[in-house]
């Protein structure tokens, strides 16, 4: 075999095969050998333990009919066992339904990170056995700074859309099984129906079209799981910070999204102050988001175009908080 002819330096630099010196591509990261063998190290035990703990907390909360701190359930180990023995079907249905929604949501994000080779953790569930829903949702940790504009859009929007595929039929099933003939008892906790829930109630039970509050004693496992799914989806799609909605709106409008974030925070503060009695529950969450920072950071490449399909999906997704978020939360 002969030795291939040497290409003069001037020819090599101007060759279309040598893109390193192309100014249009100079912003891209240099490909490394390690990128060809991308296998991020992920913790396994922590996600598994948190998942099992969330199974236990949601099962317990469902078994107590969403009143986990009632002393009649906590008086003794015998009382706790009796509660589980009698109400375990409710606990099991609620646990299965709410975890199906949470995991579907987080797997939507996770699978997109795998597709785009963005380092990310397995879904991390957050167990809270002492509140009325048994969990604070789930998250994944990821190196979002490695994602470009299109990738961060796909990662952000995939979770809510996937979660809604499960949450909507679960909520519909739960609303069909509602019985609201009796009024709420004095001091009883009541859940505010999000707009999509109000539409479902009007369709399934026209006689209760004026009901926007559902007493806790009237809920069933599927309604409760669906309500939690709507709460988490609507909350995540708020257009601020690095929430799913923050990823989406930044990918759509880039730095103009900062204006949306500031307007949203201003509106939220005014709303909470005006409706302090009913909206005060959102204050800790509002403070947390402000401390995290309301603006989304730039992506690895903001110049990547989204295309008409992503623009259509993104603009349509902006109504998700309006439809899903129970703006008044709950009351007694």
C-alpha atoms as a PDB file:
ATOM      1  CA  UNK A   1       0.000   0.000   0.000  1.00  0.00           C
ATOM      2  CA  UNK A   2       1.264   3.429  -0.818  1.00  0.00           C
ATOM      3  CA  UNK A   3       1.470   6.314   1.574  1.00  0.00           C
ATOM      4  CA  UNK A   4      -1.403   8.792   0.983  1.00  0.00           C
ATOM      5  CA  UNK A   5      -0.272  12.178  -0.226  1.00  0.00           C
ATOM      6  CA  UNK A   6       0.145  14.856   2.406  1.00  0.00           C
ATOM      7  CA  UNK A   7      -2.390  17.660   2.198  1.00  0.00           C
ATOM      8  CA  UNK A   8      -0.797  21.092   2.458  1.00  0.00           C
ATOM      9  CA  UNK A   9      -1.782  23.015   5.608  1.00  0.00           C
ATOM     10  CA  UNK A  10      -3.553  25.714   3.662  1.00  0.00           C
ATOM     11  CA  UNK A  11      -5.632  23.105   1.821  1.00  0.00           C
ATOM     12  CA  UNK A  12      -6.417  21.219   5.043  1.00  0.00           C
ATOM     13  CA  UNK A  13      -7.656  24.340   6.808  1.00  0.00           C
ATOM     14  CA  UNK A  14      -9.981  25.235   3.969  1.00  0.00           C
ATOM     15  CA  UNK A  15     -11.245  21.687   3.441  1.00  0.00           C
ATOM     16  CA  UNK A  16     -14.983  21.155   4.089  1.00  0.00           C
ATOM     17  CA  UNK A  17     -13.987  18.034   6.050  1.00  0.00           C
ATOM     18  CA  UNK A  18     -12.239  20.150   8.654  1.00  0.00           C
ATOM     19  CA  UNK A  19     -15.058  21.860  10.532  1.00  0.00           C
ATOM     20  CA  UNK A  20     -12.964  22.780  13.541  1.00  0.00           C
ATOM     21  CA  UNK A  21     -12.082  26.144  11.992  1.00  0.00           C
ATOM     22  CA  UNK A  22     -15.606  26.814  10.702  1.00  0.00           C
ATOM     23  CA  UNK A  23     -16.798  29.938  12.614  1.00  0.00           C
ATOM     24  CA  UNK A  24     -20.411  28.772  12.296  1.00  0.00           C
ATOM     25  CA  UNK A  25     -19.581  25.652  14.295  1.00  0.00           C
ATOM     26  CA  UNK A  26     -17.022  27.073  16.709  1.00  0.00           C
ATOM     27  CA  UNK A  27     -19.596  27.322  19.524  1.00  0.00           C
ATOM     28  CA  UNK A  28     -20.051  23.544  19.616  1.00  0.00           C
ATOM     29  CA  UNK A  29     -18.165  21.439  22.145  1.00  0.00           C
ATOM     30  CA  UNK A  30     -15.366  19.265  20.837  1.00  0.00           C
ATOM     31  CA  UNK A  31     -16.302  15.573  20.620  1.00  0.00           C
ATOM     32  CA  UNK A  32     -14.349  13.388  23.012  1.00  0.00           C
ATOM     33  CA  UNK A  33     -13.771   9.646  23.040  1.00  0.00           C
ATOM     34  CA  UNK A  34     -15.662   9.451  26.346  1.00  0.00           C
ATOM     35  CA  UNK A  35     -18.758  10.799  24.602  1.00  0.00           C
ATOM     36  CA  UNK A  36     -18.846   7.672  22.453  1.00  0.00           C
ATOM     37  CA  UNK A  37     -19.107   5.477  25.547  1.00  0.00           C
ATOM     38  CA  UNK A  38     -21.669   7.509  27.499  1.00  0.00           C
ATOM     39  CA  UNK A  39     -22.780   5.519  30.526  1.00  0.00           C
ATOM     40  CA  UNK A  40     -23.535   7.866  33.428  1.00  0.00           C
ATOM     41  CA  UNK A  41     -23.132   6.410  36.897  1.00  0.00           C
ATOM     42  CA  UNK A  42     -26.462   6.565  38.683  1.00  0.00           C
ATOM     43  CA  UNK A  43     -27.287   5.800  42.277  1.00  0.00           C
ATOM     44  CA  UNK A  44     -29.603   2.833  42.578  1.00  0.00           C
ATOM     45  CA  UNK A  45     -30.183   2.307  46.278  1.00  0.00           C
ATOM     46  CA  UNK A  46     -31.325   5.830  47.123  1.00  0.00           C
ATOM     47  CA  UNK A  47     -34.056   5.974  44.423  1.00  0.00           C
ATOM     48  CA  UNK A  48     -35.178   2.464  45.388  1.00  0.00           C
ATOM     49  CA  UNK A  49     -35.352   3.262  49.116  1.00  0.00           C
ATOM     50  CA  UNK A  50     -37.212   6.521  48.461  1.00  0.00           C
ATOM     51  CA  UNK A  51     -39.638   4.682  46.184  1.00  0.00           C
ATOM     52  CA  UNK A  52     -40.360   2.051  48.860  1.00  0.00           C
ATOM     53  CA  UNK A  53     -40.715   4.765  51.518  1.00  0.00           C
ATOM     54  CA  UNK A  54     -43.188   6.629  49.294  1.00  0.00           C
ATOM     55  CA  UNK A  55     -45.108   3.402  48.718  1.00  0.00           C
ATOM     56  CA  UNK A  56     -45.379   3.040  52.510  1.00  0.00           C
ATOM     57  CA  UNK A  57     -46.320   6.692  53.137  1.00  0.00           C
ATOM     58  CA  UNK A  58     -49.005   6.837  50.433  1.00  0.00           C
ATOM     59  CA  UNK A  59     -50.368   3.442  51.494  1.00  0.00           C
ATOM     60  CA  UNK A  60     -50.617   4.641  55.108  1.00  0.00           C
ATOM     61  CA  UNK A  61     -52.233   7.945  54.148  1.00  0.00           C
ATOM     62  CA  UNK A  62     -54.801   6.155  51.988  1.00  0.00           C
ATOM     63  CA  UNK A  63     -55.520   3.624  54.725  1.00  0.00           C
ATOM     64  CA  UNK A  64     -56.275   6.469  57.148  1.00  0.00           C
ATOM     65  CA  UNK A  65     -58.528   8.079  54.529  1.00  0.00           C
ATOM     66  CA  UNK A  66     -56.062  10.971  54.176  1.00  0.00           C
ATOM     67  CA  UNK A  67     -55.996  11.809  57.877  1.00  0.00           C
ATOM     68  CA  UNK A  68     -52.648  10.274  58.899  1.00  0.00           C
ATOM     69  CA  UNK A  69     -52.255  12.318  62.100  1.00  0.00           C
ATOM     70  CA  UNK A  70     -55.612  11.376  63.644  1.00  0.00           C
ATOM     71  CA  UNK A  71     -54.919  10.028  67.127  1.00  0.00           C
ATOM     72  CA  UNK A  72     -57.428   7.216  66.712  1.00  0.00           C
ATOM     73  CA  UNK A  73     -55.072   5.778  64.105  1.00  0.00           C
ATOM     74  CA  UNK A  74     -51.852   6.491  66.025  1.00  0.00           C
ATOM     75  CA  UNK A  75     -52.940   5.639  69.572  1.00  0.00           C
ATOM     76  CA  UNK A  76     -51.047   2.339  69.572  1.00  0.00           C
ATOM     77  CA  UNK A  77     -49.484  -0.249  67.280  1.00  0.00           C
ATOM     78  CA  UNK A  78     -52.682  -2.234  67.613  1.00  0.00           C
ATOM     79  CA  UNK A  79     -54.736   0.751  66.424  1.00  0.00           C
ATOM     80  CA  UNK A  80     -52.398   1.230  63.464  1.00  0.00           C
ATOM     81  CA  UNK A  81     -52.614  -2.449  62.539  1.00  0.00           C
ATOM     82  CA  UNK A  82     -56.400  -2.382  62.852  1.00  0.00           C
ATOM     83  CA  UNK A  83     -56.531   0.646  60.525  1.00  0.00           C
ATOM     84  CA  UNK A  84     -54.418  -1.130  57.918  1.00  0.00           C
ATOM     85  CA  UNK A  85     -56.331  -4.411  58.276  1.00  0.00           C
ATOM     86  CA  UNK A  86     -59.690  -2.733  57.689  1.00  0.00           C
ATOM     87  CA  UNK A  87     -58.795  -0.097  55.085  1.00  0.00           C
ATOM     88  CA  UNK A  88     -55.869  -1.658  53.204  1.00  0.00           C
ATOM     89  CA  UNK A  89     -57.799  -1.808  49.862  1.00  0.00           C
ATOM     90  CA  UNK A  90     -58.199   1.992  49.924  1.00  0.00           C
ATOM     91  CA  UNK A  91     -54.529   2.454  50.793  1.00  0.00           C
ATOM     92  CA  UNK A  92     -53.416   0.084  48.042  1.00  0.00           C
ATOM     93  CA  UNK A  93     -55.569   1.752  45.353  1.00  0.00           C
ATOM     94  CA  UNK A  94     -54.398   5.224  46.322  1.00  0.00           C
ATOM     95  CA  UNK A  95     -50.745   4.151  46.480  1.00  0.00           C
ATOM     96  CA  UNK A  96     -50.889   2.495  43.048  1.00  0.00           C
ATOM     97  CA  UNK A  97     -52.729   5.385  41.383  1.00  0.00           C
ATOM     98  CA  UNK A  98     -50.654   8.249  42.757  1.00  0.00           C
ATOM     99  CA  UNK A  99     -47.331   6.495  42.169  1.00  0.00           C
ATOM    100  CA  UNK A 100     -48.366   5.622  38.612  1.00  0.00           C
ATOM    101  CA  UNK A 101     -48.889   9.339  37.968  1.00  0.00           C
ATOM    102  CA  UNK A 102     -45.645  10.420  39.648  1.00  0.00           C
ATOM    103  CA  UNK A 103     -43.449   7.802  37.999  1.00  0.00           C
ATOM    104  CA  UNK A 104     -44.974   8.328  34.555  1.00  0.00           C
ATOM    105  CA  UNK A 105     -44.284  12.055  34.886  1.00  0.00           C
ATOM    106  CA  UNK A 106     -40.674  11.554  35.963  1.00  0.00           C
ATOM    107  CA  UNK A 107     -39.992   8.818  33.418  1.00  0.00           C
ATOM    108  CA  UNK A 108     -41.085  11.239  30.720  1.00  0.00           C
ATOM    109  CA  UNK A 109     -38.200  13.476  31.791  1.00  0.00           C
ATOM    110  CA  UNK A 110     -35.784  10.595  32.363  1.00  0.00           C
ATOM    111  CA  UNK A 111     -36.245   8.943  28.984  1.00  0.00           C
ATOM    112  CA  UNK A 112     -35.610  12.250  27.241  1.00  0.00           C
ATOM    113  CA  UNK A 113     -32.352  12.687  29.162  1.00  0.00           C
ATOM    114  CA  UNK A 114     -31.341   9.191  28.040  1.00  0.00           C
ATOM    115  CA  UNK A 115     -32.269  10.025  24.448  1.00  0.00           C
ATOM    116  CA  UNK A 116     -30.119  13.170  24.490  1.00  0.00           C
ATOM    117  CA  UNK A 117     -27.342  11.684  26.632  1.00  0.00           C
ATOM    118  CA  UNK A 118     -27.787  14.229  29.415  1.00  0.00           C
ATOM    119  CA  UNK A 119     -26.497  12.883  32.756  1.00  0.00           C
ATOM    120  CA  UNK A 120     -29.473  12.380  35.088  1.00  0.00           C
ATOM    121  CA  UNK A 121     -30.495  10.411  38.152  1.00  0.00           C
ATOM    122  CA  UNK A 122     -33.258   7.874  38.384  1.00  0.00           C
ATOM    123  CA  UNK A 123     -36.580   9.354  39.644  1.00  0.00           C
ATOM    124  CA  UNK A 124     -36.403  10.314  43.314  1.00  0.00           C
ATOM    125  CA  UNK A 125     -39.772  10.070  45.096  1.00  0.00           C
ATOM    126  CA  UNK A 126     -40.347  12.250  48.168  1.00  0.00           C
ATOM    127  CA  UNK A 127     -42.283  10.472  50.971  1.00  0.00           C
ATOM    128  CA  UNK A 128     -44.217  12.581  53.492  1.00  0.00           C
ATOM    129  CA  UNK A 129     -46.305  10.282  55.736  1.00  0.00           C
ATOM    130  CA  UNK A 130     -47.757  13.102  57.860  1.00  0.00           C
ATOM    131  CA  UNK A 131     -49.576  15.202  55.240  1.00  0.00           C
ATOM    132  CA  UNK A 132     -52.893  14.503  53.522  1.00  0.00           C
ATOM    133  CA  UNK A 133     -51.373  13.248  50.267  1.00  0.00           C
ATOM    134  CA  UNK A 134     -48.433  11.185  51.535  1.00  0.00           C
ATOM    135  CA  UNK A 135     -45.830  12.676  49.203  1.00  0.00           C
ATOM    136  CA  UNK A 136     -44.313  15.858  47.884  1.00  0.00           C
ATOM    137  CA  UNK A 137     -43.985  14.455  44.378  1.00  0.00           C
ATOM    138  CA  UNK A 138     -40.807  13.239  42.707  1.00  0.00           C
ATOM    139  CA  UNK A 139     -37.795  14.748  40.976  1.00  0.00           C
ATOM    140  CA  UNK A 140     -34.819  13.793  38.859  1.00  0.00           C
ATOM    141  CA  UNK A 141     -31.412  15.412  39.126  1.00  0.00           C
ATOM    142  CA  UNK A 142     -29.770  16.239  35.816  1.00  0.00           C
ATOM    143  CA  UNK A 143     -26.915  18.244  34.343  1.00  0.00           C
ATOM    144  CA  UNK A 144     -29.219  20.636  32.519  1.00  0.00           C
ATOM    145  CA  UNK A 145     -26.366  22.916  31.460  1.00  0.00           C
ATOM    146  CA  UNK A 146     -25.367  20.298  28.867  1.00  0.00           C
ATOM    147  CA  UNK A 147     -28.746  20.491  27.102  1.00  0.00           C
ATOM    148  CA  UNK A 148     -29.382  22.862  24.216  1.00  0.00           C
ATOM    149  CA  UNK A 149     -32.594  24.806  23.594  1.00  0.00           C
ATOM    150  CA  UNK A 150     -34.439  22.000  21.794  1.00  0.00           C
ATOM    151  CA  UNK A 151     -33.284  19.337  24.242  1.00  0.00           C
ATOM    152  CA  UNK A 152     -34.301  21.309  27.344  1.00  0.00           C
ATOM    153  CA  UNK A 153     -37.719  21.886  25.750  1.00  0.00           C
ATOM    154  CA  UNK A 154     -38.214  18.167  25.111  1.00  0.00           C
ATOM    155  CA  UNK A 155     -36.997  17.208  28.595  1.00  0.00           C
ATOM    156  CA  UNK A 156     -39.174  19.818  30.312  1.00  0.00           C
ATOM    157  CA  UNK A 157     -42.425  19.196  28.430  1.00  0.00           C
ATOM    158  CA  UNK A 158     -42.233  15.388  28.346  1.00  0.00           C
ATOM    159  CA  UNK A 159     -42.903  14.954  32.081  1.00  0.00           C
ATOM    160  CA  UNK A 160     -46.185  16.897  32.366  1.00  0.00           C
ATOM    161  CA  UNK A 161     -47.559  15.478  29.110  1.00  0.00           C
ATOM    162  CA  UNK A 162     -46.720  11.911  30.149  1.00  0.00           C
ATOM    163  CA  UNK A 163     -48.145  12.448  33.636  1.00  0.00           C
ATOM    164  CA  UNK A 164     -51.407  13.827  32.252  1.00  0.00           C
ATOM    165  CA  UNK A 165     -51.880  10.679  30.163  1.00  0.00           C
ATOM    166  CA  UNK A 166     -52.348   8.841  33.481  1.00  0.00           C
ATOM    167  CA  UNK A 167     -53.703  11.624  35.710  1.00  0.00           C
ATOM    168  CA  UNK A 168     -56.652  12.626  33.499  1.00  0.00           C
ATOM    169  CA  UNK A 169     -58.296   9.163  33.335  1.00  0.00           C
ATOM    170  CA  UNK A 170     -57.558   8.557  37.035  1.00  0.00           C
ATOM    171  CA  UNK A 171     -59.279  11.834  37.986  1.00  0.00           C
ATOM    172  CA  UNK A 172     -62.194  11.042  35.652  1.00  0.00           C
ATOM    173  CA  UNK A 173     -62.590   7.622  37.281  1.00  0.00           C
ATOM    174  CA  UNK A 174     -62.528   9.224  40.717  1.00  0.00           C
ATOM    175  CA  UNK A 175     -65.070  11.916  39.809  1.00  0.00           C
ATOM    176  CA  UNK A 176     -67.456   9.306  38.437  1.00  0.00           C
ATOM    177  CA  UNK A 177     -67.395   7.594  41.849  1.00  0.00           C
ATOM    178  CA  UNK A 178     -67.978  10.799  43.851  1.00  0.00           C
ATOM    179  CA  UNK A 179     -71.070  11.141  46.055  1.00  0.00           C
ATOM    180  CA  UNK A 180     -71.658  14.723  47.119  1.00  0.00           C
ATOM    181  CA  UNK A 181     -75.198  14.526  48.468  1.00  0.00           C
ATOM    182  CA  UNK A 182     -74.146  15.464  52.007  1.00  0.00           C
ATOM    183  CA  UNK A 183     -72.656  18.832  52.880  1.00  0.00           C
ATOM    184  CA  UNK A 184     -69.232  19.139  54.481  1.00  0.00           C
ATOM    185  CA  UNK A 185     -69.060  18.920  58.260  1.00  0.00           C
ATOM    186  CA  UNK A 186     -68.006  21.940  60.286  1.00  0.00           C
ATOM    187  CA  UNK A 187     -64.225  22.246  60.225  1.00  0.00           C
ATOM    188  CA  UNK A 188     -63.813  19.466  57.676  1.00  0.00           C
ATOM    189  CA  UNK A 189     -60.987  19.742  55.151  1.00  0.00           C
ATOM    190  CA  UNK A 190     -62.219  20.448  51.612  1.00  0.00           C
ATOM    191  CA  UNK A 191     -60.318  20.270  48.330  1.00  0.00           C
ATOM    192  CA  UNK A 192     -60.747  22.856  45.577  1.00  0.00           C
ATOM    193  CA  UNK A 193     -61.477  21.387  42.162  1.00  0.00           C
ATOM    194  CA  UNK A 194     -59.197  22.572  39.346  1.00  0.00           C
ATOM    195  CA  UNK A 195     -60.925  23.810  36.215  1.00  0.00           C
ATOM    196  CA  UNK A 196     -60.553  20.483  34.406  1.00  0.00           C
ATOM    197  CA  UNK A 197     -62.094  18.745  37.438  1.00  0.00           C
ATOM    198  CA  UNK A 198     -65.034  21.157  37.410  1.00  0.00           C
ATOM    199  CA  UNK A 199     -65.684  20.309  33.758  1.00  0.00           C
ATOM    200  CA  UNK A 200     -65.519  16.584  34.515  1.00  0.00           C
ATOM    201  CA  UNK A 201     -67.954  17.002  37.426  1.00  0.00           C
ATOM    202  CA  UNK A 202     -70.421  18.886  35.227  1.00  0.00           C
ATOM    203  CA  UNK A 203     -70.263  16.087  32.665  1.00  0.00           C
ATOM    204  CA  UNK A 204     -70.474  13.161  35.110  1.00  0.00           C
ATOM    205  CA  UNK A 205     -72.852  14.697  37.691  1.00  0.00           C
ATOM    206  CA  UNK A 206     -74.849  17.607  36.239  1.00  0.00           C
ATOM    207  CA  UNK A 207     -76.785  17.905  39.515  1.00  0.00           C
ATOM    208  CA  UNK A 208     -73.606  19.116  41.274  1.00  0.00           C
ATOM    209  CA  UNK A 209     -72.417  21.655  38.720  1.00  0.00           C
ATOM    210  CA  UNK A 210     -72.142  24.362  41.385  1.00  0.00           C
ATOM    211  CA  UNK A 211     -69.716  22.305  43.492  1.00  0.00           C
ATOM    212  CA  UNK A 212     -66.126  23.513  43.460  1.00  0.00           C
ATOM    213  CA  UNK A 213     -65.162  22.157  46.903  1.00  0.00           C
ATOM    214  CA  UNK A 214     -65.066  18.431  47.690  1.00  0.00           C
ATOM    215  CA  UNK A 215     -65.147  17.397  51.377  1.00  0.00           C
ATOM    216  CA  UNK A 216     -62.370  15.009  52.395  1.00  0.00           C
ATOM    217  CA  UNK A 217     -64.915  12.530  53.750  1.00  0.00           C
ATOM    218  CA  UNK A 218     -66.432  12.182  50.249  1.00  0.00           C
ATOM    219  CA  UNK A 219     -63.270  11.515  48.246  1.00  0.00           C
ATOM    220  CA  UNK A 220     -62.174   8.110  46.938  1.00  0.00           C
ATOM    221  CA  UNK A 221     -58.654   6.825  46.159  1.00  0.00           C
ATOM    222  CA  UNK A 222     -58.826   7.611  42.443  1.00  0.00           C
ATOM    223  CA  UNK A 223     -60.202  11.116  42.930  1.00  0.00           C
ATOM    224  CA  UNK A 224     -57.521  11.881  45.505  1.00  0.00           C
ATOM    225  CA  UNK A 225     -54.728  10.514  43.311  1.00  0.00           C
ATOM    226  CA  UNK A 226     -56.047  12.425  40.296  1.00  0.00           C
ATOM    227  CA  UNK A 227     -56.315  15.635  42.340  1.00  0.00           C
ATOM    228  CA  UNK A 228     -52.717  15.204  43.508  1.00  0.00           C
ATOM    229  CA  UNK A 229     -51.651  14.547  39.910  1.00  0.00           C
ATOM    230  CA  UNK A 230     -53.304  17.766  38.743  1.00  0.00           C
ATOM    231  CA  UNK A 231     -51.736  19.720  41.602  1.00  0.00           C
ATOM    232  CA  UNK A 232     -48.239  18.450  40.785  1.00  0.00           C
ATOM    233  CA  UNK A 233     -48.659  18.904  37.017  1.00  0.00           C
ATOM    234  CA  UNK A 234     -50.102  22.408  37.319  1.00  0.00           C
ATOM    235  CA  UNK A 235     -47.434  23.426  39.817  1.00  0.00           C
ATOM    236  CA  UNK A 236     -44.589  22.088  37.681  1.00  0.00           C
ATOM    237  CA  UNK A 237     -45.855  23.924  34.602  1.00  0.00           C
ATOM    238  CA  UNK A 238     -45.734  27.361  36.234  1.00  0.00           C
ATOM    239  CA  UNK A 239     -43.528  29.534  33.961  1.00  0.00           C
ATOM    240  CA  UNK A 240     -40.709  30.265  36.386  1.00  0.00           C
ATOM    241  CA  UNK A 241     -37.279  29.133  37.497  1.00  0.00           C
ATOM    242  CA  UNK A 242     -36.250  25.591  36.501  1.00  0.00           C
ATOM    243  CA  UNK A 243     -39.686  24.073  36.861  1.00  0.00           C
ATOM    244  CA  UNK A 244     -40.974  22.206  33.813  1.00  0.00           C
ATOM    245  CA  UNK A 245     -42.861  25.326  32.792  1.00  0.00           C
ATOM    246  CA  UNK A 246     -39.688  27.355  33.251  1.00  0.00           C
ATOM    247  CA  UNK A 247     -37.826  25.053  30.851  1.00  0.00           C
ATOM    248  CA  UNK A 248     -40.667  25.278  28.350  1.00  0.00           C
ATOM    249  CA  UNK A 249     -41.179  29.013  28.341  1.00  0.00           C
ATOM    250  CA  UNK A 250     -37.440  29.726  28.211  1.00  0.00           C
ATOM    251  CA  UNK A 251     -37.043  27.410  25.236  1.00  0.00           C
ATOM    252  CA  UNK A 252     -39.879  29.268  23.512  1.00  0.00           C
ATOM    253  CA  UNK A 253     -38.963  32.872  24.273  1.00  0.00           C
ATOM    254  CA  UNK A 254     -35.350  32.760  25.527  1.00  0.00           C
ATOM    255  CA  UNK A 255     -34.468  35.942  27.448  1.00  0.00           C
ATOM    256  CA  UNK A 256     -37.961  37.345  26.900  1.00  0.00           C
ATOM    257  CA  UNK A 257     -39.121  34.622  29.298  1.00  0.00           C
ATOM    258  CA  UNK A 258     -37.601  36.692  32.127  1.00  0.00           C
ATOM    259  CA  UNK A 259     -40.410  39.219  31.660  1.00  0.00           C
ATOM    260  CA  UNK A 260     -43.018  36.463  31.955  1.00  0.00           C
ATOM    261  CA  UNK A 261     -41.345  35.183  35.133  1.00  0.00           C
ATOM    262  CA  UNK A 262     -41.282  38.624  36.763  1.00  0.00           C
ATOM    263  CA  UNK A 263     -44.898  39.329  35.833  1.00  0.00           C
ATOM    264  CA  UNK A 264     -45.982  35.933  37.142  1.00  0.00           C
ATOM    265  CA  UNK A 265     -44.216  36.375  40.480  1.00  0.00           C
ATOM    266  CA  UNK A 266     -45.663  39.884  40.874  1.00  0.00           C
ATOM    267  CA  UNK A 267     -49.169  38.614  40.109  1.00  0.00           C
ATOM    268  CA  UNK A 268     -48.754  35.703  42.528  1.00  0.00           C
ATOM    269  CA  UNK A 269     -47.633  37.936  45.384  1.00  0.00           C
ATOM    270  CA  UNK A 270     -50.599  40.265  44.842  1.00  0.00           C
ATOM    271  CA  UNK A 271     -52.992  37.306  44.613  1.00  0.00           C
ATOM    272  CA  UNK A 272     -51.716  35.731  47.846  1.00  0.00           C
ATOM    273  CA  UNK A 273     -52.004  39.042  49.703  1.00  0.00           C
ATOM    274  CA  UNK A 274     -55.562  39.685  48.462  1.00  0.00           C
ATOM    275  CA  UNK A 275     -56.707  36.091  49.154  1.00  0.00           C
ATOM    276  CA  UNK A 276     -54.621  35.565  52.278  1.00  0.00           C
ATOM    277  CA  UNK A 277     -57.148  33.352  54.073  1.00  0.00           C
ATOM    278  CA  UNK A 278     -57.312  30.777  51.275  1.00  0.00           C
ATOM    279  CA  UNK A 279     -54.038  31.238  49.379  1.00  0.00           C
ATOM    280  CA  UNK A 280     -51.631  31.570  52.320  1.00  0.00           C
ATOM    281  CA  UNK A 281     -50.722  27.870  51.878  1.00  0.00           C
ATOM    282  CA  UNK A 282     -48.771  28.780  48.749  1.00  0.00           C
ATOM    283  CA  UNK A 283     -46.546  31.272  50.598  1.00  0.00           C
ATOM    284  CA  UNK A 284     -43.744  28.810  51.571  1.00  0.00           C
ATOM    285  CA  UNK A 285     -43.612  27.539  47.993  1.00  0.00           C
ATOM    286  CA  UNK A 286     -43.489  31.089  46.658  1.00  0.00           C
ATOM    287  CA  UNK A 287     -40.612  31.982  48.997  1.00  0.00           C
ATOM    288  CA  UNK A 288     -38.720  28.826  47.984  1.00  0.00           C
ATOM    289  CA  UNK A 289     -39.029  29.618  44.268  1.00  0.00           C
ATOM    290  CA  UNK A 290     -37.849  33.212  44.823  1.00  0.00           C
ATOM    291  CA  UNK A 291     -34.823  31.956  46.785  1.00  0.00           C
ATOM    292  CA  UNK A 292     -34.008  29.462  44.002  1.00  0.00           C
ATOM    293  CA  UNK A 293     -34.159  32.258  41.437  1.00  0.00           C
ATOM    294  CA  UNK A 294     -37.102  32.984  39.170  1.00  0.00           C
ATOM    295  CA  UNK A 295     -35.059  33.150  35.941  1.00  0.00           C
ATOM    296  CA  UNK A 296     -34.020  30.164  33.856  1.00  0.00           C
ATOM    297  CA  UNK A 297     -30.300  30.015  32.950  1.00  0.00           C
ATOM    298  CA  UNK A 298     -29.185  29.914  29.292  1.00  0.00           C
ATOM    299  CA  UNK A 299     -28.941  26.513  27.629  1.00  0.00           C
ATOM    300  CA  UNK A 300     -25.794  25.020  26.095  1.00  0.00           C
ATOM    301  CA  UNK A 301     -26.916  26.466  22.745  1.00  0.00           C
ATOM    302  CA  UNK A 302     -29.799  28.917  22.571  1.00  0.00           C
ATOM    303  CA  UNK A 303     -29.525  29.225  18.797  1.00  0.00           C
ATOM    304  CA  UNK A 304     -30.967  25.796  18.012  1.00  0.00           C
ATOM    305  CA  UNK A 305     -34.407  26.288  16.366  1.00  0.00           C
ATOM    306  CA  UNK A 306     -37.453  24.569  17.845  1.00  0.00           C
ATOM    307  CA  UNK A 307     -39.485  24.108  14.692  1.00  0.00           C
ATOM    308  CA  UNK A 308     -43.250  24.616  14.183  1.00  0.00           C
ATOM    309  CA  UNK A 309     -44.366  21.395  15.945  1.00  0.00           C
ATOM    310  CA  UNK A 310     -42.519  22.203  19.170  1.00  0.00           C
ATOM    311  CA  UNK A 311     -43.765  25.780  19.040  1.00  0.00           C
ATOM    312  CA  UNK A 312     -47.350  24.547  18.729  1.00  0.00           C
ATOM    313  CA  UNK A 313     -46.975  22.071  21.597  1.00  0.00           C
ATOM    314  CA  UNK A 314     -45.191  24.637  23.737  1.00  0.00           C
ATOM    315  CA  UNK A 315     -47.778  27.377  23.273  1.00  0.00           C
ATOM    316  CA  UNK A 316     -50.620  24.911  23.921  1.00  0.00           C
ATOM    317  CA  UNK A 317     -48.903  23.707  27.108  1.00  0.00           C
ATOM    318  CA  UNK A 318     -49.112  27.200  28.627  1.00  0.00           C
ATOM    319  CA  UNK A 319     -52.774  26.526  29.473  1.00  0.00           C
ATOM    320  CA  UNK A 320     -51.883  23.471  31.609  1.00  0.00           C
ATOM    321  CA  UNK A 321     -51.523  25.464  34.873  1.00  0.00           C
ATOM    322  CA  UNK A 322     -54.853  27.189  34.198  1.00  0.00           C
ATOM    323  CA  UNK A 323     -56.631  23.854  33.699  1.00  0.00           C
ATOM    324  CA  UNK A 324     -54.862  21.740  36.311  1.00  0.00           C
ATOM    325  CA  UNK A 325     -53.719  23.889  39.226  1.00  0.00           C
ATOM    326  CA  UNK A 326     -56.268  24.052  42.103  1.00  0.00           C
ATOM    327  CA  UNK A 327     -55.617  27.715  42.739  1.00  0.00           C
ATOM    328  CA  UNK A 328     -57.403  27.857  46.127  1.00  0.00           C
ATOM    329  CA  UNK A 329     -55.897  24.572  47.320  1.00  0.00           C
ATOM    330  CA  UNK A 330     -57.921  23.480  50.325  1.00  0.00           C
ATOM    331  CA  UNK A 331     -59.873  24.985  53.198  1.00  0.00           C
ATOM    332  CA  UNK A 332     -61.507  24.046  56.479  1.00  0.00           C
END
